Amino acid sequence: MSYAYISPKAFHEKLNAWSPEQGMIVDVRERYEWDYYHLDESILMPMNTIPGRLEELSREGQLFIICAHGVRSETVSHFLAERGFDNVVNVNGGMAAFAELRGFQYD
């Protein structure tokens, strides 16, 4: 049981050449956070809904898990790895770190 990590900069570079065949970007924040700022390429699955939505997650390609600052995504990454998902990648620093690279002030 393990999962990988990706830095905000490496994730930003990957997103610049993104195609759905690479996998899924799962945003585990709440709807109000998502409404404030989100990545168009991501899907919203608040952390507390993940256990009931495992069948919606691809086992093909990578699952990039992102939240506000990297805490919830860490928890979800661990949860998914325990359930046999071997393609999980936690985005370090979350949307706050990623948004900073794009020049967006995210709190």
PDB file of N, CA and C in Angstrom:
ATOM      1  N   MET A   1       0.833  -1.173   0.000  1.00  0.00           N
ATOM      2  CA  MET A   1       0.000   0.000   0.000  1.00  0.00           C
ATOM      3  C   MET A   1       0.883   1.243   0.000  1.00  0.00           C
ATOM      4  N   SER A   2       0.835   1.977  -1.088  1.00  0.00           N
ATOM      5  CA  SER A   2       1.574   3.226  -1.146  1.00  0.00           C
ATOM      6  C   SER A   2       0.957   4.131  -2.202  1.00  0.00           C
ATOM      7  N   TYR A   3       1.383   5.355  -2.153  1.00  0.00           N
ATOM      8  CA  TYR A   3       0.954   6.331  -3.147  1.00  0.00           C
ATOM      9  C   TYR A   3       2.104   7.302  -3.351  1.00  0.00           C
ATOM     10  N   ALA A   4       2.008   8.032  -4.435  1.00  0.00           N
ATOM     11  CA  ALA A   4       3.084   8.950  -4.811  1.00  0.00           C
ATOM     12  C   ALA A   4       2.709  10.385  -4.442  1.00  0.00           C
ATOM     13  N   TYR A   5       3.684  11.245  -4.556  1.00  0.00           N
ATOM     14  CA  TYR A   5       3.499  12.680  -4.347  1.00  0.00           C
ATOM     15  C   TYR A   5       3.979  13.406  -5.599  1.00  0.00           C
ATOM     16  N   ILE A   6       3.387  14.563  -5.836  1.00  0.00           N
ATOM     17  CA  ILE A   6       3.850  15.420  -6.925  1.00  0.00           C
ATOM     18  C   ILE A   6       3.911  16.845  -6.391  1.00  0.00           C
ATOM     19  N   SER A   7       4.958  17.551  -6.772  1.00  0.00           N
ATOM     20  CA  SER A   7       5.095  18.939  -6.337  1.00  0.00           C
ATOM     21  C   SER A   7       4.121  19.816  -7.120  1.00  0.00           C
ATOM     22  N   PRO A   8       3.774  20.966  -6.579  1.00  0.00           N
ATOM     23  CA  PRO A   8       2.897  21.872  -7.318  1.00  0.00           C
ATOM     24  C   PRO A   8       3.472  22.232  -8.697  1.00  0.00           C
ATOM     25  N   LYS A   9       4.791  22.455  -8.759  1.00  0.00           N
ATOM     26  CA  LYS A   9       5.413  22.819 -10.036  1.00  0.00           C
ATOM     27  C   LYS A   9       5.316  21.682 -11.046  1.00  0.00           C
ATOM     28  N   ALA A  10       5.613  20.465 -10.632  1.00  0.00           N
ATOM     29  CA  ALA A  10       5.525  19.315 -11.538  1.00  0.00           C
ATOM     30  C   ALA A  10       4.077  19.074 -11.959  1.00  0.00           C
ATOM     31  N   PHE A  11       3.136  19.273 -11.040  1.00  0.00           N
ATOM     32  CA  PHE A  11       1.720  19.115 -11.379  1.00  0.00           C
ATOM     33  C   PHE A  11       1.300  20.187 -12.375  1.00  0.00           C
ATOM     34  N   HIS A  12       1.770  21.406 -12.185  1.00  0.00           N
ATOM     35  CA  HIS A  12       1.471  22.499 -13.115  1.00  0.00           C
ATOM     36  C   HIS A  12       1.968  22.150 -14.518  1.00  0.00           C
ATOM     37  N   GLU A  13       3.176  21.623 -14.608  1.00  0.00           N
ATOM     38  CA  GLU A  13       3.736  21.222 -15.903  1.00  0.00           C
ATOM     39  C   GLU A  13       2.918  20.096 -16.523  1.00  0.00           C
ATOM     40  N   LYS A  14       2.515  19.128 -15.728  1.00  0.00           N
ATOM     41  CA  LYS A  14       1.700  18.019 -16.222  1.00  0.00           C
ATOM     42  C   LYS A  14       0.356  18.532 -16.719  1.00  0.00           C
ATOM     43  N   LEU A  15      -0.220  19.468 -15.999  1.00  0.00           N
ATOM     44  CA  LEU A  15      -1.521  20.010 -16.375  1.00  0.00           C
ATOM     45  C   LEU A  15      -1.453  20.795 -17.683  1.00  0.00           C
ATOM     46  N   ASN A  16      -0.325  21.418 -17.964  1.00  0.00           N
ATOM     47  CA  ASN A  16      -0.172  22.162 -19.219  1.00  0.00           C
ATOM     48  C   ASN A  16      -0.278  21.261 -20.436  1.00  0.00           C
ATOM     49  N   ALA A  17       0.019  19.979 -20.270  1.00  0.00           N
ATOM     50  CA  ALA A  17      -0.071  19.014 -21.370  1.00  0.00           C
ATOM     51  C   ALA A  17      -1.116  17.944 -21.056  1.00  0.00           C
ATOM     52  N   TRP A  18      -2.140  18.310 -20.307  1.00  0.00           N
ATOM     53  CA  TRP A  18      -3.114  17.342 -19.798  1.00  0.00           C
ATOM     54  C   TRP A  18      -3.999  16.764 -20.893  1.00  0.00           C
ATOM     55  N   SER A  19      -4.249  15.468 -20.771  1.00  0.00           N
ATOM     56  CA  SER A  19      -5.267  14.806 -21.576  1.00  0.00           C
ATOM     57  C   SER A  19      -5.969  13.807 -20.665  1.00  0.00           C
ATOM     58  N   PRO A  20      -7.267  13.599 -20.844  1.00  0.00           N
ATOM     59  CA  PRO A  20      -8.024  12.703 -19.966  1.00  0.00           C
ATOM     60  C   PRO A  20      -7.474  11.274 -19.926  1.00  0.00           C
ATOM     61  N   GLU A  21      -6.743  10.867 -20.933  1.00  0.00           N
ATOM     62  CA  GLU A  21      -6.168   9.526 -20.957  1.00  0.00           C
ATOM     63  C   GLU A  21      -5.119   9.339 -19.856  1.00  0.00           C
ATOM     64  N   GLN A  22      -4.588  10.448 -19.327  1.00  0.00           N
ATOM     65  CA  GLN A  22      -3.578  10.363 -18.272  1.00  0.00           C
ATOM     66  C   GLN A  22      -4.181   9.938 -16.950  1.00  0.00           C
ATOM     67  N   GLY A  23      -5.473  10.136 -16.777  1.00  0.00           N
ATOM     68  CA  GLY A  23      -6.127   9.761 -15.533  1.00  0.00           C
ATOM     69  C   GLY A  23      -7.179  10.771 -15.125  1.00  0.00           C
ATOM     70  N   MET A  24      -7.338  10.933 -13.806  1.00  0.00           N
ATOM     71  CA  MET A  24      -8.347  11.831 -13.243  1.00  0.00           C
ATOM     72  C   MET A  24      -7.704  12.763 -12.229  1.00  0.00           C
ATOM     73  N   ILE A  25      -8.237  13.966 -12.170  1.00  0.00           N
ATOM     74  CA  ILE A  25      -7.864  14.909 -11.117  1.00  0.00           C
ATOM     75  C   ILE A  25      -9.090  15.025 -10.225  1.00  0.00           C
ATOM     76  N   VAL A  26      -8.943  14.598  -8.978  1.00  0.00           N
ATOM     77  CA  VAL A  26     -10.058  14.567  -8.037  1.00  0.00           C
ATOM     78  C   VAL A  26      -9.842  15.633  -6.967  1.00  0.00           C
ATOM     79  N   ASP A  27     -10.750  16.583  -6.923  1.00  0.00           N
ATOM     80  CA  ASP A  27     -10.711  17.665  -5.947  1.00  0.00           C
ATOM     81  C   ASP A  27     -11.590  17.246  -4.771  1.00  0.00           C
ATOM     82  N   VAL A  28     -10.988  17.088  -3.592  1.00  0.00           N
ATOM     83  CA  VAL A  28     -11.721  16.566  -2.432  1.00  0.00           C
ATOM     84  C   VAL A  28     -12.179  17.665  -1.477  1.00  0.00           C
ATOM     85  N   ARG A  29     -12.177  18.916  -1.940  1.00  0.00           N
ATOM     86  CA  ARG A  29     -12.669  20.023  -1.122  1.00  0.00           C
ATOM     87  C   ARG A  29     -14.196  20.030  -1.124  1.00  0.00           C
ATOM     88  N   GLU A  30     -14.763  20.939  -0.366  1.00  0.00           N
ATOM     89  CA  GLU A  30     -16.215  21.101  -0.324  1.00  0.00           C
ATOM     90  C   GLU A  30     -16.676  21.982  -1.486  1.00  0.00           C
ATOM     91  N   ARG A  31     -17.963  21.919  -1.790  1.00  0.00           N
ATOM     92  CA  ARG A  31     -18.547  22.655  -2.919  1.00  0.00           C
ATOM     93  C   ARG A  31     -18.240  24.149  -2.834  1.00  0.00           C
ATOM     94  N   TYR A  32     -18.353  24.758  -1.663  1.00  0.00           N
ATOM     95  CA  TYR A  32     -18.112  26.204  -1.565  1.00  0.00           C
ATOM     96  C   TYR A  32     -16.661  26.555  -1.896  1.00  0.00           C
ATOM     97  N   GLU A  33     -15.729  25.662  -1.592  1.00  0.00           N
ATOM     98  CA  GLU A  33     -14.324  25.889  -1.944  1.00  0.00           C
ATOM     99  C   GLU A  33     -14.142  25.754  -3.457  1.00  0.00           C
ATOM    100  N   TRP A  34     -14.750  24.752  -3.999  1.00  0.00           N
ATOM    101  CA  TRP A  34     -14.721  24.481  -5.446  1.00  0.00           C
ATOM    102  C   TRP A  34     -15.293  25.679  -6.210  1.00  0.00           C
ATOM    103  N   ASP A  35     -16.415  26.208  -5.744  1.00  0.00           N
ATOM    104  CA  ASP A  35     -17.058  27.341  -6.409  1.00  0.00           C
ATOM    105  C   ASP A  35     -16.152  28.568  -6.428  1.00  0.00           C
ATOM    106  N   TYR A  36     -15.333  28.721  -5.412  1.00  0.00           N
ATOM    107  CA  TYR A  36     -14.422  29.859  -5.330  1.00  0.00           C
ATOM    108  C   TYR A  36     -13.325  29.768  -6.383  1.00  0.00           C
ATOM    109  N   TYR A  37     -12.717  28.583  -6.527  1.00  0.00           N
ATOM    110  CA  TYR A  37     -11.631  28.385  -7.479  1.00  0.00           C
ATOM    111  C   TYR A  37     -11.411  26.897  -7.661  1.00  0.00           C
ATOM    112  N   HIS A  38     -11.354  26.457  -8.922  1.00  0.00           N
ATOM    113  CA  HIS A  38     -11.056  25.052  -9.178  1.00  0.00           C
ATOM    114  C   HIS A  38     -10.412  24.899 -10.553  1.00  0.00           C
ATOM    115  N   LEU A  39      -9.874  23.741 -10.775  1.00  0.00           N
ATOM    116  CA  LEU A  39      -9.285  23.408 -12.069  1.00  0.00           C
ATOM    117  C   LEU A  39     -10.372  22.836 -12.969  1.00  0.00           C
ATOM    118  N   ASP A  40     -10.478  23.341 -14.181  1.00  0.00           N
ATOM    119  CA  ASP A  40     -11.505  22.853 -15.096  1.00  0.00           C
ATOM    120  C   ASP A  40     -11.346  21.360 -15.384  1.00  0.00           C
ATOM    121  N   GLU A  41     -10.140  20.864 -15.291  1.00  0.00           N
ATOM    122  CA  GLU A  41      -9.864  19.462 -15.603  1.00  0.00           C
ATOM    123  C   GLU A  41     -10.244  18.514 -14.463  1.00  0.00           C
ATOM    124  N   SER A  42     -10.571  19.064 -13.311  1.00  0.00           N
ATOM    125  CA  SER A  42     -10.843  18.228 -12.137  1.00  0.00           C
ATOM    126  C   SER A  42     -12.325  17.924 -11.979  1.00  0.00           C
ATOM    127  N   ILE A  43     -12.575  16.887 -11.173  1.00  0.00           N
ATOM    128  CA  ILE A  43     -13.948  16.576 -10.783  1.00  0.00           C
ATOM    129  C   ILE A  43     -14.049  16.766  -9.275  1.00  0.00           C
ATOM    130  N   LEU A  44     -15.199  17.211  -8.823  1.00  0.00           N
ATOM    131  CA  LEU A  44     -15.421  17.446  -7.406  1.00  0.00           C
ATOM    132  C   LEU A  44     -15.945  16.184  -6.738  1.00  0.00           C
ATOM    133  N   MET A  45     -15.230  15.729  -5.716  1.00  0.00           N
ATOM    134  CA  MET A  45     -15.660  14.627  -4.862  1.00  0.00           C
ATOM    135  C   MET A  45     -15.244  14.977  -3.437  1.00  0.00           C
ATOM    136  N   PRO A  46     -16.082  15.694  -2.705  1.00  0.00           N
ATOM    137  CA  PRO A  46     -15.699  16.043  -1.340  1.00  0.00           C
ATOM    138  C   PRO A  46     -15.238  14.805  -0.558  1.00  0.00           C
ATOM    139  N   MET A  47     -14.267  15.021   0.316  1.00  0.00           N
ATOM    140  CA  MET A  47     -13.629  13.923   1.032  1.00  0.00           C
ATOM    141  C   MET A  47     -14.629  12.958   1.657  1.00  0.00           C
ATOM    142  N   ASN A  48     -15.668  13.469   2.282  1.00  0.00           N
ATOM    143  CA  ASN A  48     -16.601  12.584   2.975  1.00  0.00           C
ATOM    144  C   ASN A  48     -17.468  11.755   2.024  1.00  0.00           C
ATOM    145  N   THR A  49     -17.442  12.055   0.725  1.00  0.00           N
ATOM    146  CA  THR A  49     -18.226  11.273  -0.242  1.00  0.00           C
ATOM    147  C   THR A  49     -17.413  10.160  -0.895  1.00  0.00           C
ATOM    148  N   ILE A  50     -16.106  10.181  -0.718  1.00  0.00           N
ATOM    149  CA  ILE A  50     -15.230   9.214  -1.390  1.00  0.00           C
ATOM    150  C   ILE A  50     -15.604   7.758  -1.106  1.00  0.00           C
ATOM    151  N   PRO A  51     -15.846   7.358   0.159  1.00  0.00           N
ATOM    152  CA  PRO A  51     -16.156   5.939   0.397  1.00  0.00           C
ATOM    153  C   PRO A  51     -17.341   5.411  -0.420  1.00  0.00           C
ATOM    154  N   GLY A  52     -18.328   6.231  -0.668  1.00  0.00           N
ATOM    155  CA  GLY A  52     -19.488   5.806  -1.436  1.00  0.00           C
ATOM    156  C   GLY A  52     -19.354   5.988  -2.935  1.00  0.00           C
ATOM    157  N   ARG A  53     -18.215   6.487  -3.384  1.00  0.00           N
ATOM    158  CA  ARG A  53     -18.050   6.787  -4.813  1.00  0.00           C
ATOM    159  C   ARG A  53     -16.828   6.101  -5.423  1.00  0.00           C
ATOM    160  N   LEU A  54     -16.312   5.079  -4.767  1.00  0.00           N
ATOM    161  CA  LEU A  54     -15.101   4.405  -5.254  1.00  0.00           C
ATOM    162  C   LEU A  54     -15.257   3.896  -6.678  1.00  0.00           C
ATOM    163  N   GLU A  55     -16.450   3.443  -7.042  1.00  0.00           N
ATOM    164  CA  GLU A  55     -16.663   2.895  -8.395  1.00  0.00           C
ATOM    165  C   GLU A  55     -16.534   3.960  -9.477  1.00  0.00           C
ATOM    166  N   GLU A  56     -16.598   5.231  -9.105  1.00  0.00           N
ATOM    167  CA  GLU A  56     -16.452   6.310 -10.075  1.00  0.00           C
ATOM    168  C   GLU A  56     -14.988   6.635 -10.369  1.00  0.00           C
ATOM    169  N   LEU A  57     -14.088   6.107  -9.552  1.00  0.00           N
ATOM    170  CA  LEU A  57     -12.665   6.402  -9.710  1.00  0.00           C
ATOM    171  C   LEU A  57     -12.010   5.393 -10.647  1.00  0.00           C
ATOM    172  N   SER A  58     -11.233   5.913 -11.550  1.00  0.00           N
ATOM    173  CA  SER A  58     -10.570   5.068 -12.535  1.00  0.00           C
ATOM    174  C   SER A  58      -9.408   4.303 -11.912  1.00  0.00           C
ATOM    175  N   ARG A  59      -9.252   3.080 -12.343  1.00  0.00           N
ATOM    176  CA  ARG A  59      -8.070   2.302 -11.976  1.00  0.00           C
ATOM    177  C   ARG A  59      -7.084   2.292 -13.146  1.00  0.00           C
ATOM    178  N   GLU A  60      -7.441   2.994 -14.198  1.00  0.00           N
ATOM    179  CA  GLU A  60      -6.571   3.194 -15.361  1.00  0.00           C
ATOM    180  C   GLU A  60      -5.977   4.590 -15.244  1.00  0.00           C
ATOM    181  N   GLY A  61      -4.739   4.747 -15.580  1.00  0.00           N
ATOM    182  CA  GLY A  61      -4.106   6.059 -15.455  1.00  0.00           C
ATOM    183  C   GLY A  61      -3.921   6.427 -13.997  1.00  0.00           C
ATOM    184  N   GLN A  62      -3.560   7.646 -13.752  1.00  0.00           N
ATOM    185  CA  GLN A  62      -3.275   8.096 -12.395  1.00  0.00           C
ATOM    186  C   GLN A  62      -4.454   8.862 -11.819  1.00  0.00           C
ATOM    187  N   LEU A  63      -4.565   8.813 -10.502  1.00  0.00           N
ATOM    188  CA  LEU A  63      -5.555   9.598  -9.764  1.00  0.00           C
ATOM    189  C   LEU A  63      -4.809  10.691  -9.017  1.00  0.00           C
ATOM    190  N   PHE A  64      -4.911  11.912  -9.478  1.00  0.00           N
ATOM    191  CA  PHE A  64      -4.288  13.048  -8.809  1.00  0.00           C
ATOM    192  C   PHE A  64      -5.303  13.588  -7.812  1.00  0.00           C
ATOM    193  N   ILE A  65      -4.944  13.575  -6.539  1.00  0.00           N
ATOM    194  CA  ILE A  65      -5.845  14.004  -5.477  1.00  0.00           C
ATOM    195  C   ILE A  65      -5.374  15.364  -4.974  1.00  0.00           C
ATOM    196  N   ILE A  66      -6.308  16.341  -4.968  1.00  0.00           N
ATOM    197  CA  ILE A  66      -5.958  17.702  -4.563  1.00  0.00           C
ATOM    198  C   ILE A  66      -7.025  18.246  -3.614  1.00  0.00           C
ATOM    199  N   CYS A  67      -6.588  19.079  -2.682  1.00  0.00           N
ATOM    200  CA  CYS A  67      -7.506  19.759  -1.759  1.00  0.00           C
ATOM    201  C   CYS A  67      -7.012  21.190  -1.594  1.00  0.00           C
ATOM    202  N   ALA A  68      -7.324  21.826  -0.499  1.00  0.00           N
ATOM    203  CA  ALA A  68      -6.929  23.227  -0.306  1.00  0.00           C
ATOM    204  C   ALA A  68      -5.440  23.378  -0.006  1.00  0.00           C
ATOM    205  N   HIS A  69      -4.938  22.586   0.942  1.00  0.00           N
ATOM    206  CA  HIS A  69      -3.543  22.736   1.368  1.00  0.00           C
ATOM    207  C   HIS A  69      -2.765  21.426   1.423  1.00  0.00           C
ATOM    208  N   GLY A  70      -3.392  20.323   1.089  1.00  0.00           N
ATOM    209  CA  GLY A  70      -2.699  19.038   1.060  1.00  0.00           C
ATOM    210  C   GLY A  70      -2.997  18.098   2.209  1.00  0.00           C
ATOM    211  N   VAL A  71      -3.810  18.526   3.156  1.00  0.00           N
ATOM    212  CA  VAL A  71      -4.113  17.678   4.318  1.00  0.00           C
ATOM    213  C   VAL A  71      -5.192  16.654   3.970  1.00  0.00           C
ATOM    214  N   ARG A  72      -6.321  17.116   3.462  1.00  0.00           N
ATOM    215  CA  ARG A  72      -7.395  16.179   3.092  1.00  0.00           C
ATOM    216  C   ARG A  72      -6.961  15.259   1.964  1.00  0.00           C
ATOM    217  N   SER A  73      -6.209  15.784   1.007  1.00  0.00           N
ATOM    218  CA  SER A  73      -5.754  14.935  -0.097  1.00  0.00           C
ATOM    219  C   SER A  73      -4.829  13.830   0.402  1.00  0.00           C
ATOM    220  N   GLU A  74      -4.037  14.128   1.418  1.00  0.00           N
ATOM    221  CA  GLU A  74      -3.167  13.110   2.036  1.00  0.00           C
ATOM    222  C   GLU A  74      -4.026  11.997   2.648  1.00  0.00           C
ATOM    223  N   THR A  75      -5.063  12.368   3.368  1.00  0.00           N
ATOM    224  CA  THR A  75      -5.961  11.393   3.991  1.00  0.00           C
ATOM    225  C   THR A  75      -6.648  10.537   2.935  1.00  0.00           C
ATOM    226  N   VAL A  76      -7.158  11.173   1.890  1.00  0.00           N
ATOM    227  CA  VAL A  76      -7.846  10.441   0.820  1.00  0.00           C
ATOM    228  C   VAL A  76      -6.863   9.546   0.068  1.00  0.00           C
ATOM    229  N   SER A  77      -5.672  10.020  -0.197  1.00  0.00           N
ATOM    230  CA  SER A  77      -4.666   9.206  -0.883  1.00  0.00           C
ATOM    231  C   SER A  77      -4.378   7.937  -0.091  1.00  0.00           C
ATOM    232  N   HIS A  78      -4.211   8.080   1.209  1.00  0.00           N
ATOM    233  CA  HIS A  78      -3.967   6.925   2.076  1.00  0.00           C
ATOM    234  C   HIS A  78      -5.166   5.963   2.042  1.00  0.00           C
ATOM    235  N   PHE A  79      -6.366   6.495   2.151  1.00  0.00           N
ATOM    236  CA  PHE A  79      -7.596   5.708   2.114  1.00  0.00           C
ATOM    237  C   PHE A  79      -7.685   4.904   0.816  1.00  0.00           C
ATOM    238  N   LEU A  80      -7.433   5.555  -0.304  1.00  0.00           N
ATOM    239  CA  LEU A  80      -7.521   4.874  -1.602  1.00  0.00           C
ATOM    240  C   LEU A  80      -6.449   3.798  -1.750  1.00  0.00           C
ATOM    241  N   ALA A  81      -5.250   4.108  -1.312  1.00  0.00           N
ATOM    242  CA  ALA A  81      -4.163   3.120  -1.389  1.00  0.00           C
ATOM    243  C   ALA A  81      -4.508   1.886  -0.556  1.00  0.00           C
ATOM    244  N   GLU A  82      -5.114   2.075   0.603  1.00  0.00           N
ATOM    245  CA  GLU A  82      -5.532   0.947   1.441  1.00  0.00           C
ATOM    246  C   GLU A  82      -6.581   0.083   0.753  1.00  0.00           C
ATOM    247  N   ARG A  83      -7.314   0.642  -0.181  1.00  0.00           N
ATOM    248  CA  ARG A  83      -8.369  -0.071  -0.890  1.00  0.00           C
ATOM    249  C   ARG A  83      -7.930  -0.576  -2.257  1.00  0.00           C
ATOM    250  N   GLY A  84      -6.639  -0.619  -2.467  1.00  0.00           N
ATOM    251  CA  GLY A  84      -6.108  -1.249  -3.669  1.00  0.00           C
ATOM    252  C   GLY A  84      -5.883  -0.350  -4.867  1.00  0.00           C
ATOM    253  N   PHE A  85      -6.080   0.943  -4.718  1.00  0.00           N
ATOM    254  CA  PHE A  85      -5.769   1.855  -5.814  1.00  0.00           C
ATOM    255  C   PHE A  85      -4.253   2.063  -5.793  1.00  0.00           C
ATOM    256  N   ASP A  86      -3.598   1.625  -6.848  1.00  0.00           N
ATOM    257  CA  ASP A  86      -2.131   1.709  -6.867  1.00  0.00           C
ATOM    258  C   ASP A  86      -1.614   2.822  -7.771  1.00  0.00           C
ATOM    259  N   ASN A  87      -2.502   3.702  -8.166  1.00  0.00           N
ATOM    260  CA  ASN A  87      -2.151   4.770  -9.095  1.00  0.00           C
ATOM    261  C   ASN A  87      -2.447   6.153  -8.518  1.00  0.00           C
ATOM    262  N   VAL A  88      -2.398   6.288  -7.198  1.00  0.00           N
ATOM    263  CA  VAL A  88      -2.777   7.524  -6.509  1.00  0.00           C
ATOM    264  C   VAL A  88      -1.577   8.461  -6.373  1.00  0.00           C
ATOM    265  N   VAL A  89      -1.821   9.743  -6.684  1.00  0.00           N
ATOM    266  CA  VAL A  89      -0.778  10.764  -6.566  1.00  0.00           C
ATOM    267  C   VAL A  89      -1.356  11.942  -5.788  1.00  0.00           C
ATOM    268  N   ASN A  90      -0.747  12.250  -4.640  1.00  0.00           N
ATOM    269  CA  ASN A  90      -1.163  13.377  -3.815  1.00  0.00           C
ATOM    270  C   ASN A  90      -0.451  14.651  -4.289  1.00  0.00           C
ATOM    271  N   VAL A  91      -1.215  15.713  -4.515  1.00  0.00           N
ATOM    272  CA  VAL A  91      -0.639  16.991  -4.938  1.00  0.00           C
ATOM    273  C   VAL A  91      -0.225  17.762  -3.686  1.00  0.00           C
ATOM    274  N   ASN A  92       1.078  17.849  -3.455  1.00  0.00           N
ATOM    275  CA  ASN A  92       1.607  18.544  -2.272  1.00  0.00           C
ATOM    276  C   ASN A  92       1.202  20.013  -2.281  1.00  0.00           C
ATOM    277  N   GLY A  93       0.776  20.492  -1.122  1.00  0.00           N
ATOM    278  CA  GLY A  93       0.441  21.913  -0.984  1.00  0.00           C
ATOM    279  C   GLY A  93      -0.935  22.284  -1.468  1.00  0.00           C
ATOM    280  N   GLY A  94      -1.599  21.394  -2.180  1.00  0.00           N
ATOM    281  CA  GLY A  94      -2.973  21.614  -2.623  1.00  0.00           C
ATOM    282  C   GLY A  94      -3.153  22.803  -3.542  1.00  0.00           C
ATOM    283  N   MET A  95      -4.397  23.272  -3.596  1.00  0.00           N
ATOM    284  CA  MET A  95      -4.756  24.376  -4.482  1.00  0.00           C
ATOM    285  C   MET A  95      -4.041  25.664  -4.100  1.00  0.00           C
ATOM    286  N   ALA A  96      -3.737  25.855  -2.827  1.00  0.00           N
ATOM    287  CA  ALA A  96      -3.049  27.077  -2.406  1.00  0.00           C
ATOM    288  C   ALA A  96      -1.690  27.173  -3.078  1.00  0.00           C
ATOM    289  N   ALA A  97      -0.921  26.102  -3.039  1.00  0.00           N
ATOM    290  CA  ALA A  97       0.412  26.104  -3.653  1.00  0.00           C
ATOM    291  C   ALA A  97       0.310  26.154  -5.175  1.00  0.00           C
ATOM    292  N   PHE A  98      -0.645  25.417  -5.724  1.00  0.00           N
ATOM    293  CA  PHE A  98      -0.812  25.401  -7.174  1.00  0.00           C
ATOM    294  C   PHE A  98      -1.262  26.771  -7.689  1.00  0.00           C
ATOM    295  N   ALA A  99      -2.209  27.386  -7.002  1.00  0.00           N
ATOM    296  CA  ALA A  99      -2.723  28.695  -7.429  1.00  0.00           C
ATOM    297  C   ALA A  99      -1.630  29.751  -7.395  1.00  0.00           C
ATOM    298  N   GLU A 100      -0.741  29.638  -6.430  1.00  0.00           N
ATOM    299  CA  GLU A 100       0.364  30.586  -6.328  1.00  0.00           C
ATOM    300  C   GLU A 100       1.232  30.550  -7.591  1.00  0.00           C
ATOM    301  N   LEU A 101       1.426  29.370  -8.147  1.00  0.00           N
ATOM    302  CA  LEU A 101       2.197  29.247  -9.393  1.00  0.00           C
ATOM    303  C   LEU A 101       1.510  29.942 -10.557  1.00  0.00           C
ATOM    304  N   ARG A 102       0.196  29.989 -10.508  1.00  0.00           N
ATOM    305  CA  ARG A 102      -0.582  30.628 -11.564  1.00  0.00           C
ATOM    306  C   ARG A 102      -0.853  32.106 -11.283  1.00  0.00           C
ATOM    307  N   GLY A 103      -0.310  32.621 -10.172  1.00  0.00           N
ATOM    308  CA  GLY A 103      -0.493  34.018  -9.844  1.00  0.00           C
ATOM    309  C   GLY A 103      -1.850  34.353  -9.283  1.00  0.00           C
ATOM    310  N   PHE A 104      -2.554  33.349  -8.755  1.00  0.00           N
ATOM    311  CA  PHE A 104      -3.875  33.553  -8.175  1.00  0.00           C
ATOM    312  C   PHE A 104      -3.740  33.506  -6.667  1.00  0.00           C
ATOM    313  N   GLN A 105      -4.295  34.478  -5.974  1.00  0.00           N
ATOM    314  CA  GLN A 105      -4.268  34.483  -4.513  1.00  0.00           C
ATOM    315  C   GLN A 105      -5.401  33.613  -3.999  1.00  0.00           C
ATOM    316  N   TYR A 106      -5.048  32.508  -3.376  1.00  0.00           N
ATOM    317  CA  TYR A 106      -6.011  31.562  -2.848  1.00  0.00           C
ATOM    318  C   TYR A 106      -5.832  31.441  -1.354  1.00  0.00           C
ATOM    319  N   ASP A 107      -6.880  31.654  -0.586  1.00  0.00           N
ATOM    320  CA  ASP A 107      -6.821  31.519   0.878  1.00  0.00           C
ATOM    321  C   ASP A 107      -7.742  30.430   1.333  1.00  0.00           C
TER     322      ASP A 107
END
